[in-house]
């Protein structure tokens, strides 16, 4: 189950990074070039920075799972049979 969560997290983070990079390098400069939309992209750029920090924080929590399974195992297995390995 941990490997599934880790794989999904890495996939989601990769998709997020690709999306943000495309906006930062293509969409926002195009918006800034239009007079009516000048200075609109700054707030979105700040959002990307904050979201990136949140993903880094989640990564830190996820890496803790690997080292301390006793902290998260009861939550993940709530309502499910606990795997024999644990």
C-alpha atoms as a PDB file:
ATOM      1  CA  UNK A   1       0.000   0.000   0.000  1.00  0.00           C
ATOM      2  CA  UNK A   2       2.872   2.393   0.767  1.00  0.00           C
ATOM      3  CA  UNK A   3       4.339   1.843  -2.685  1.00  0.00           C
ATOM      4  CA  UNK A   4       0.959   2.628  -4.271  1.00  0.00           C
ATOM      5  CA  UNK A   5       0.668   5.858  -2.301  1.00  0.00           C
ATOM      6  CA  UNK A   6       4.254   6.782  -3.133  1.00  0.00           C
ATOM      7  CA  UNK A   7       3.730   6.083  -6.830  1.00  0.00           C
ATOM      8  CA  UNK A   8       0.556   8.140  -6.973  1.00  0.00           C
ATOM      9  CA  UNK A   9       2.189  11.000  -5.115  1.00  0.00           C
ATOM     10  CA  UNK A  10       5.164  11.065  -7.482  1.00  0.00           C
ATOM     11  CA  UNK A  11       2.829  10.964 -10.486  1.00  0.00           C
ATOM     12  CA  UNK A  12       0.663  13.774  -9.103  1.00  0.00           C
ATOM     13  CA  UNK A  13       3.691  15.918  -8.281  1.00  0.00           C
ATOM     14  CA  UNK A  14       5.127  15.359 -11.757  1.00  0.00           C
ATOM     15  CA  UNK A  15       1.843  16.347 -13.391  1.00  0.00           C
ATOM     16  CA  UNK A  16       1.594  19.392 -11.149  1.00  0.00           C
ATOM     17  CA  UNK A  17       5.140  20.481 -12.031  1.00  0.00           C
ATOM     18  CA  UNK A  18       4.507  20.074 -15.769  1.00  0.00           C
ATOM     19  CA  UNK A  19       1.276  22.068 -15.490  1.00  0.00           C
ATOM     20  CA  UNK A  20       2.860  24.860 -13.445  1.00  0.00           C
ATOM     21  CA  UNK A  21       5.906  25.063 -15.683  1.00  0.00           C
ATOM     22  CA  UNK A  22       3.711  25.366 -18.779  1.00  0.00           C
ATOM     23  CA  UNK A  23       1.721  28.156 -17.160  1.00  0.00           C
ATOM     24  CA  UNK A  24       4.835  29.967 -15.920  1.00  0.00           C
ATOM     25  CA  UNK A  25       6.714  29.746 -19.217  1.00  0.00           C
ATOM     26  CA  UNK A  26       3.921  29.961 -21.804  1.00  0.00           C
ATOM     27  CA  UNK A  27       0.520  31.049 -20.499  1.00  0.00           C
ATOM     28  CA  UNK A  28       1.501  33.789 -18.057  1.00  0.00           C
ATOM     29  CA  UNK A  29       3.921  35.580 -20.387  1.00  0.00           C
ATOM     30  CA  UNK A  30       1.206  35.557 -23.071  1.00  0.00           C
ATOM     31  CA  UNK A  31      -1.278  37.056 -20.616  1.00  0.00           C
ATOM     32  CA  UNK A  32       1.217  39.683 -19.509  1.00  0.00           C
ATOM     33  CA  UNK A  33       1.724  40.702 -23.141  1.00  0.00           C
ATOM     34  CA  UNK A  34      -1.929  41.751 -23.346  1.00  0.00           C
ATOM     35  CA  UNK A  35      -2.526  45.223 -21.975  1.00  0.00           C
ATOM     36  CA  UNK A  36      -5.835  44.383 -20.249  1.00  0.00           C
ATOM     37  CA  UNK A  37      -4.329  41.420 -18.394  1.00  0.00           C
ATOM     38  CA  UNK A  38      -1.089  43.014 -17.293  1.00  0.00           C
ATOM     39  CA  UNK A  39      -0.011  42.032 -13.730  1.00  0.00           C
ATOM     40  CA  UNK A  40      -2.616  39.265 -13.508  1.00  0.00           C
ATOM     41  CA  UNK A  41      -0.145  36.390 -13.490  1.00  0.00           C
ATOM     42  CA  UNK A  42       1.783  37.462 -10.394  1.00  0.00           C
ATOM     43  CA  UNK A  43      -0.833  36.017  -8.020  1.00  0.00           C
ATOM     44  CA  UNK A  44      -0.783  32.712  -9.875  1.00  0.00           C
ATOM     45  CA  UNK A  45       2.994  32.575  -9.690  1.00  0.00           C
ATOM     46  CA  UNK A  46       2.764  33.051  -5.918  1.00  0.00           C
ATOM     47  CA  UNK A  47       0.175  30.267  -5.797  1.00  0.00           C
ATOM     48  CA  UNK A  48       2.606  27.971  -7.591  1.00  0.00           C
ATOM     49  CA  UNK A  49       5.317  28.743  -5.047  1.00  0.00           C
ATOM     50  CA  UNK A  50       2.973  28.034  -2.126  1.00  0.00           C
ATOM     51  CA  UNK A  51       1.661  24.837  -3.719  1.00  0.00           C
ATOM     52  CA  UNK A  52       5.211  23.648  -4.365  1.00  0.00           C
ATOM     53  CA  UNK A  53       6.007  24.168  -0.672  1.00  0.00           C
ATOM     54  CA  UNK A  54       2.907  22.194   0.330  1.00  0.00           C
ATOM     55  CA  UNK A  55       3.985  19.323  -1.916  1.00  0.00           C
ATOM     56  CA  UNK A  56       7.457  19.406  -0.356  1.00  0.00           C
ATOM     57  CA  UNK A  57       5.832  19.239   3.081  1.00  0.00           C
ATOM     58  CA  UNK A  58       3.723  16.264   1.982  1.00  0.00           C
ATOM     59  CA  UNK A  59       6.858  14.614   0.619  1.00  0.00           C
ATOM     60  CA  UNK A  60       8.493  15.041   4.033  1.00  0.00           C
ATOM     61  CA  UNK A  61       5.490  13.427   5.749  1.00  0.00           C
ATOM     62  CA  UNK A  62       5.473  10.614   3.198  1.00  0.00           C
ATOM     63  CA  UNK A  63       9.150   9.898   3.743  1.00  0.00           C
ATOM     64  CA  UNK A  64       8.466   9.669   7.483  1.00  0.00           C
ATOM     65  CA  UNK A  65       6.036   6.828   6.746  1.00  0.00           C
ATOM     66  CA  UNK A  66       8.888   4.750   5.392  1.00  0.00           C
ATOM     67  CA  UNK A  67      10.864   5.075   8.598  1.00  0.00           C
ATOM     68  CA  UNK A  68       8.013   4.947  11.129  1.00  0.00           C
ATOM     69  CA  UNK A  69       5.195   2.712   9.824  1.00  0.00           C
ATOM     70  CA  UNK A  70       3.725   2.400  13.318  1.00  0.00           C
ATOM     71  CA  UNK A  71       2.643   6.049  13.089  1.00  0.00           C
ATOM     72  CA  UNK A  72       0.459   5.638   9.997  1.00  0.00           C
ATOM     73  CA  UNK A  73      -0.365   1.925   9.830  1.00  0.00           C
ATOM     74  CA  UNK A  74      -3.405   2.107  12.159  1.00  0.00           C
ATOM     75  CA  UNK A  75      -4.876   4.945  10.074  1.00  0.00           C
ATOM     76  CA  UNK A  76      -4.287   3.327   6.676  1.00  0.00           C
ATOM     77  CA  UNK A  77      -5.552  -0.063   7.811  1.00  0.00           C
ATOM     78  CA  UNK A  78      -8.644   1.278   9.554  1.00  0.00           C
ATOM     79  CA  UNK A  79     -11.413  -0.989   8.386  1.00  0.00           C
ATOM     80  CA  UNK A  80      -9.010  -3.266   6.504  1.00  0.00           C
ATOM     81  CA  UNK A  81      -7.074  -6.338   7.508  1.00  0.00           C
ATOM     82  CA  UNK A  82      -3.521  -5.517   8.590  1.00  0.00           C
ATOM     83  CA  UNK A  83      -1.012  -7.124   6.199  1.00  0.00           C
ATOM     84  CA  UNK A  84       0.883 -10.115   7.606  1.00  0.00           C
ATOM     85  CA  UNK A  85       4.243  -8.384   7.151  1.00  0.00           C
ATOM     86  CA  UNK A  86       3.288  -5.920   9.859  1.00  0.00           C
END
